[in-house]
N, C-alpha and C. Protein backbone atom coordinates (compact mmCIF):
# COMPACT_ATOMS: atom_id res chain seq x y z
N MET A 1 29.10 18.60 20.43
CA MET A 1 29.56 17.20 20.01
C MET A 1 28.89 16.32 21.11
N LYS A 2 28.39 15.14 20.58
CA LYS A 2 27.81 14.14 21.40
C LYS A 2 28.64 12.83 21.48
N ALA A 3 28.74 12.33 22.72
CA ALA A 3 29.39 11.01 22.86
C ALA A 3 28.33 10.10 23.38
N ARG A 4 28.42 8.85 22.81
CA ARG A 4 27.55 7.72 23.24
C ARG A 4 28.41 6.61 23.75
N VAL A 5 28.21 6.11 25.04
CA VAL A 5 28.89 5.10 25.66
C VAL A 5 28.04 3.96 25.90
N HIS A 6 28.33 2.80 25.33
CA HIS A 6 27.78 1.47 25.53
C HIS A 6 28.67 0.71 26.54
N ILE A 7 28.08 0.34 27.68
CA ILE A 7 28.80 -0.45 28.71
C ILE A 7 28.20 -1.82 28.95
N THR A 8 28.91 -2.83 28.80
CA THR A 8 28.34 -4.29 28.91
C THR A 8 29.22 -5.11 29.73
N LEU A 9 28.73 -6.11 30.44
CA LEU A 9 29.51 -7.04 31.21
C LEU A 9 30.35 -7.87 30.40
N LYS A 10 31.51 -8.17 30.68
CA LYS A 10 32.49 -8.98 29.91
C LYS A 10 31.91 -10.41 29.95
N ASN A 11 32.40 -11.10 28.89
CA ASN A 11 31.90 -12.52 28.79
C ASN A 11 32.37 -13.27 30.04
N GLY A 12 31.50 -14.22 30.54
CA GLY A 12 31.84 -14.97 31.68
C GLY A 12 31.46 -14.28 33.01
N VAL A 13 31.07 -13.04 33.01
CA VAL A 13 30.59 -12.45 34.22
C VAL A 13 29.08 -12.66 34.33
N LEU A 14 28.74 -13.16 35.54
CA LEU A 14 27.27 -13.47 35.70
C LEU A 14 26.53 -12.24 35.63
N ASP A 15 25.22 -12.35 35.04
CA ASP A 15 24.31 -11.09 34.89
C ASP A 15 22.96 -11.43 35.49
N PRO A 16 22.86 -11.25 36.77
CA PRO A 16 21.58 -11.65 37.28
C PRO A 16 20.38 -10.81 36.80
N GLN A 17 20.54 -9.54 36.42
CA GLN A 17 19.58 -8.76 35.93
C GLN A 17 19.00 -9.31 34.45
N GLY A 18 20.03 -9.66 33.70
CA GLY A 18 19.70 -10.20 32.46
C GLY A 18 18.88 -11.64 32.56
N LYS A 19 19.40 -12.37 33.59
CA LYS A 19 18.61 -13.70 33.76
C LYS A 19 17.15 -13.36 34.18
N ALA A 20 16.99 -12.31 35.07
CA ALA A 20 15.71 -11.92 35.43
C ALA A 20 14.86 -11.46 34.31
N ILE A 21 15.39 -10.71 33.40
CA ILE A 21 14.66 -10.32 32.21
C ILE A 21 14.28 -11.50 31.30
N HIS A 22 15.31 -12.35 31.13
CA HIS A 22 15.09 -13.57 30.34
C HIS A 22 13.91 -14.37 30.99
N HIS A 23 13.85 -14.58 32.15
CA HIS A 23 12.80 -15.26 32.87
C HIS A 23 11.45 -14.62 32.61
N SER A 24 11.34 -13.27 32.87
CA SER A 24 10.12 -12.51 32.59
C SER A 24 9.70 -12.59 31.22
N LEU A 25 10.62 -12.57 30.24
CA LEU A 25 10.13 -12.58 28.70
C LEU A 25 9.60 -13.95 28.50
N GLU A 26 10.16 -15.05 29.06
CA GLU A 26 9.56 -16.46 28.99
C GLU A 26 8.18 -16.47 29.54
N GLY A 27 8.10 -15.90 30.80
CA GLY A 27 6.78 -15.84 31.30
C GLY A 27 5.68 -15.04 30.62
N LEU A 28 6.00 -14.08 29.88
CA LEU A 28 5.15 -13.28 29.04
C LEU A 28 4.92 -14.08 27.69
N GLY A 29 5.53 -15.18 27.47
CA GLY A 29 5.29 -15.96 26.17
C GLY A 29 6.16 -15.69 25.08
N PHE A 30 7.27 -14.99 25.35
CA PHE A 30 8.27 -14.70 24.20
C PHE A 30 9.27 -15.89 24.17
N ASP A 31 8.86 -16.78 23.17
CA ASP A 31 9.77 -18.00 22.95
C ASP A 31 10.92 -17.62 22.03
N GLY A 32 11.99 -18.50 22.17
CA GLY A 32 13.05 -18.26 21.27
C GLY A 32 14.18 -17.31 21.61
N VAL A 33 13.92 -16.74 22.85
CA VAL A 33 15.08 -15.92 23.49
C VAL A 33 16.00 -16.96 24.29
N ASP A 34 17.23 -16.92 23.65
CA ASP A 34 18.15 -17.83 24.26
C ASP A 34 18.94 -17.27 25.56
N ASP A 35 19.27 -15.96 25.47
CA ASP A 35 19.88 -15.34 26.49
C ASP A 35 19.70 -13.89 26.44
N VAL A 36 19.79 -13.17 27.67
CA VAL A 36 19.70 -11.74 27.77
C VAL A 36 20.84 -11.20 28.57
N ARG A 37 21.57 -10.22 28.11
CA ARG A 37 22.51 -9.51 28.85
C ARG A 37 22.16 -8.15 28.98
N GLN A 38 22.21 -7.46 30.17
CA GLN A 38 21.84 -6.10 30.43
C GLN A 38 22.97 -5.23 30.40
N GLY A 39 23.11 -4.04 29.83
CA GLY A 39 24.12 -3.14 29.94
C GLY A 39 23.69 -1.74 30.26
N LYS A 40 24.47 -0.79 30.06
CA LYS A 40 24.20 0.64 30.22
C LYS A 40 24.57 1.45 28.97
N PHE A 41 23.68 2.59 28.76
CA PHE A 41 23.90 3.41 27.73
C PHE A 41 23.92 4.81 28.41
N ILE A 42 25.10 5.52 28.03
CA ILE A 42 25.22 6.91 28.52
C ILE A 42 25.39 7.97 27.33
N GLU A 43 24.75 9.01 27.39
CA GLU A 43 24.98 10.05 26.42
C GLU A 43 25.59 11.26 27.03
N ILE A 44 26.61 11.79 26.45
CA ILE A 44 27.34 12.94 27.02
C ILE A 44 27.44 14.10 25.98
N GLU A 45 26.97 15.22 26.33
CA GLU A 45 27.25 16.36 25.50
C GLU A 45 28.54 17.03 25.77
N LEU A 46 29.36 17.16 24.74
CA LEU A 46 30.65 17.74 24.92
C LEU A 46 30.95 19.14 24.23
N SER A 47 31.59 20.04 24.68
CA SER A 47 31.97 21.23 24.02
C SER A 47 33.22 20.97 23.20
N GLY A 48 33.49 21.68 22.27
CA GLY A 48 34.72 21.54 21.40
C GLY A 48 34.38 20.93 20.03
N ASN A 49 35.35 20.72 19.21
CA ASN A 49 35.07 20.10 17.82
C ASN A 49 36.12 19.11 17.35
N ASP A 50 36.87 18.72 18.39
CA ASP A 50 37.90 17.75 17.97
C ASP A 50 37.50 16.31 18.47
N PRO A 51 37.02 15.54 17.43
CA PRO A 51 36.52 14.10 17.70
C PRO A 51 37.60 13.25 18.50
N ASP A 52 38.81 13.38 18.09
CA ASP A 52 39.85 12.58 18.62
C ASP A 52 39.96 12.93 20.25
N ALA A 53 40.00 14.20 20.42
CA ALA A 53 40.22 14.71 21.81
C ALA A 53 38.99 14.19 22.58
N ALA A 54 37.69 14.34 21.97
CA ALA A 54 36.52 14.01 22.72
C ALA A 54 36.56 12.44 23.01
N ARG A 55 37.02 11.74 22.18
CA ARG A 55 36.99 10.22 22.29
C ARG A 55 38.03 9.93 23.38
N ALA A 56 39.11 10.56 23.41
CA ALA A 56 40.24 10.33 24.43
C ALA A 56 39.68 10.73 25.84
N SER A 57 38.89 11.93 25.88
CA SER A 57 38.31 12.30 27.12
C SER A 57 37.21 11.44 27.70
N VAL A 58 36.40 10.91 26.73
CA VAL A 58 35.32 10.15 27.21
C VAL A 58 35.89 8.73 27.65
N SER A 59 36.88 8.29 26.94
CA SER A 59 37.54 6.91 27.37
C SER A 59 38.13 7.12 28.69
N GLU A 60 38.68 8.21 29.03
CA GLU A 60 39.24 8.38 30.41
C GLU A 60 38.17 8.53 31.42
N MET A 61 36.95 9.11 31.05
CA MET A 61 35.76 9.16 32.02
C MET A 61 35.33 7.62 32.31
N CYS A 62 35.45 6.87 31.25
CA CYS A 62 34.93 5.46 31.37
C CYS A 62 35.91 4.71 32.37
N GLU A 63 37.35 4.90 32.05
CA GLU A 63 38.30 4.32 32.87
C GLU A 63 38.21 4.72 34.33
N LYS A 64 37.89 5.85 34.53
CA LYS A 64 37.99 6.37 36.00
C LYS A 64 36.74 6.32 36.70
N LEU A 65 35.50 6.29 36.03
CA LEU A 65 34.20 6.40 36.69
C LEU A 65 33.01 5.61 36.01
N LEU A 66 32.83 5.83 34.80
CA LEU A 66 31.65 5.28 34.11
C LEU A 66 31.62 3.74 34.11
N ALA A 67 32.68 3.02 33.81
CA ALA A 67 32.72 1.50 33.85
C ALA A 67 33.59 0.95 34.88
N ASN A 68 33.18 -0.17 35.38
CA ASN A 68 34.03 -0.92 36.25
C ASN A 68 34.86 -1.93 35.19
N THR A 69 35.99 -1.43 34.76
CA THR A 69 36.80 -2.23 33.71
C THR A 69 37.20 -3.55 34.23
N VAL A 70 37.14 -3.91 35.49
CA VAL A 70 37.38 -5.32 35.85
C VAL A 70 36.45 -6.26 35.30
N ILE A 71 35.11 -5.89 35.34
CA ILE A 71 34.02 -6.75 34.87
C ILE A 71 33.25 -6.31 33.62
N GLU A 72 33.51 -4.93 33.17
CA GLU A 72 32.73 -4.36 32.18
C GLU A 72 33.64 -3.87 30.98
N ASN A 73 33.04 -4.11 29.76
CA ASN A 73 33.57 -3.46 28.61
C ASN A 73 32.89 -2.13 28.20
N TYR A 74 33.51 -1.28 27.50
CA TYR A 74 32.87 -0.17 27.02
C TYR A 74 33.21 0.18 25.63
N ALA A 75 32.26 0.88 24.83
CA ALA A 75 32.57 1.30 23.50
C ALA A 75 32.06 2.75 23.40
N VAL A 76 32.91 3.62 22.87
CA VAL A 76 32.55 4.94 22.59
C VAL A 76 32.33 5.36 21.24
N GLU A 77 31.24 6.12 20.99
CA GLU A 77 30.89 6.65 19.64
C GLU A 77 30.81 8.13 19.80
N ILE A 78 31.47 8.88 18.73
CA ILE A 78 31.43 10.28 18.82
C ILE A 78 30.65 10.76 17.57
N ASP A 79 29.68 11.67 17.83
CA ASP A 79 29.00 12.36 16.68
C ASP A 79 29.25 13.79 16.80
N ASP A 80 29.92 14.41 15.57
CA ASP A 80 30.27 15.69 15.70
C ASP A 80 29.22 16.57 14.97
């Protein structure tokens, strides 16, 4: 079973890496880009075959380690 975790900064949190990417894209001639926000993508291979248990386990991983829940949101997808 595979879990995919998308971690993004919460709205209102400054994103200096996103701003740097935006500036670089403009410098390369990519017009029409209004804003860039950078996040993280994590794939986790899990044993077992219970998607609900897997989601709960990965959510706990996010709460304890993978995401800084003060400034980041996360979304978990489970593929069985």
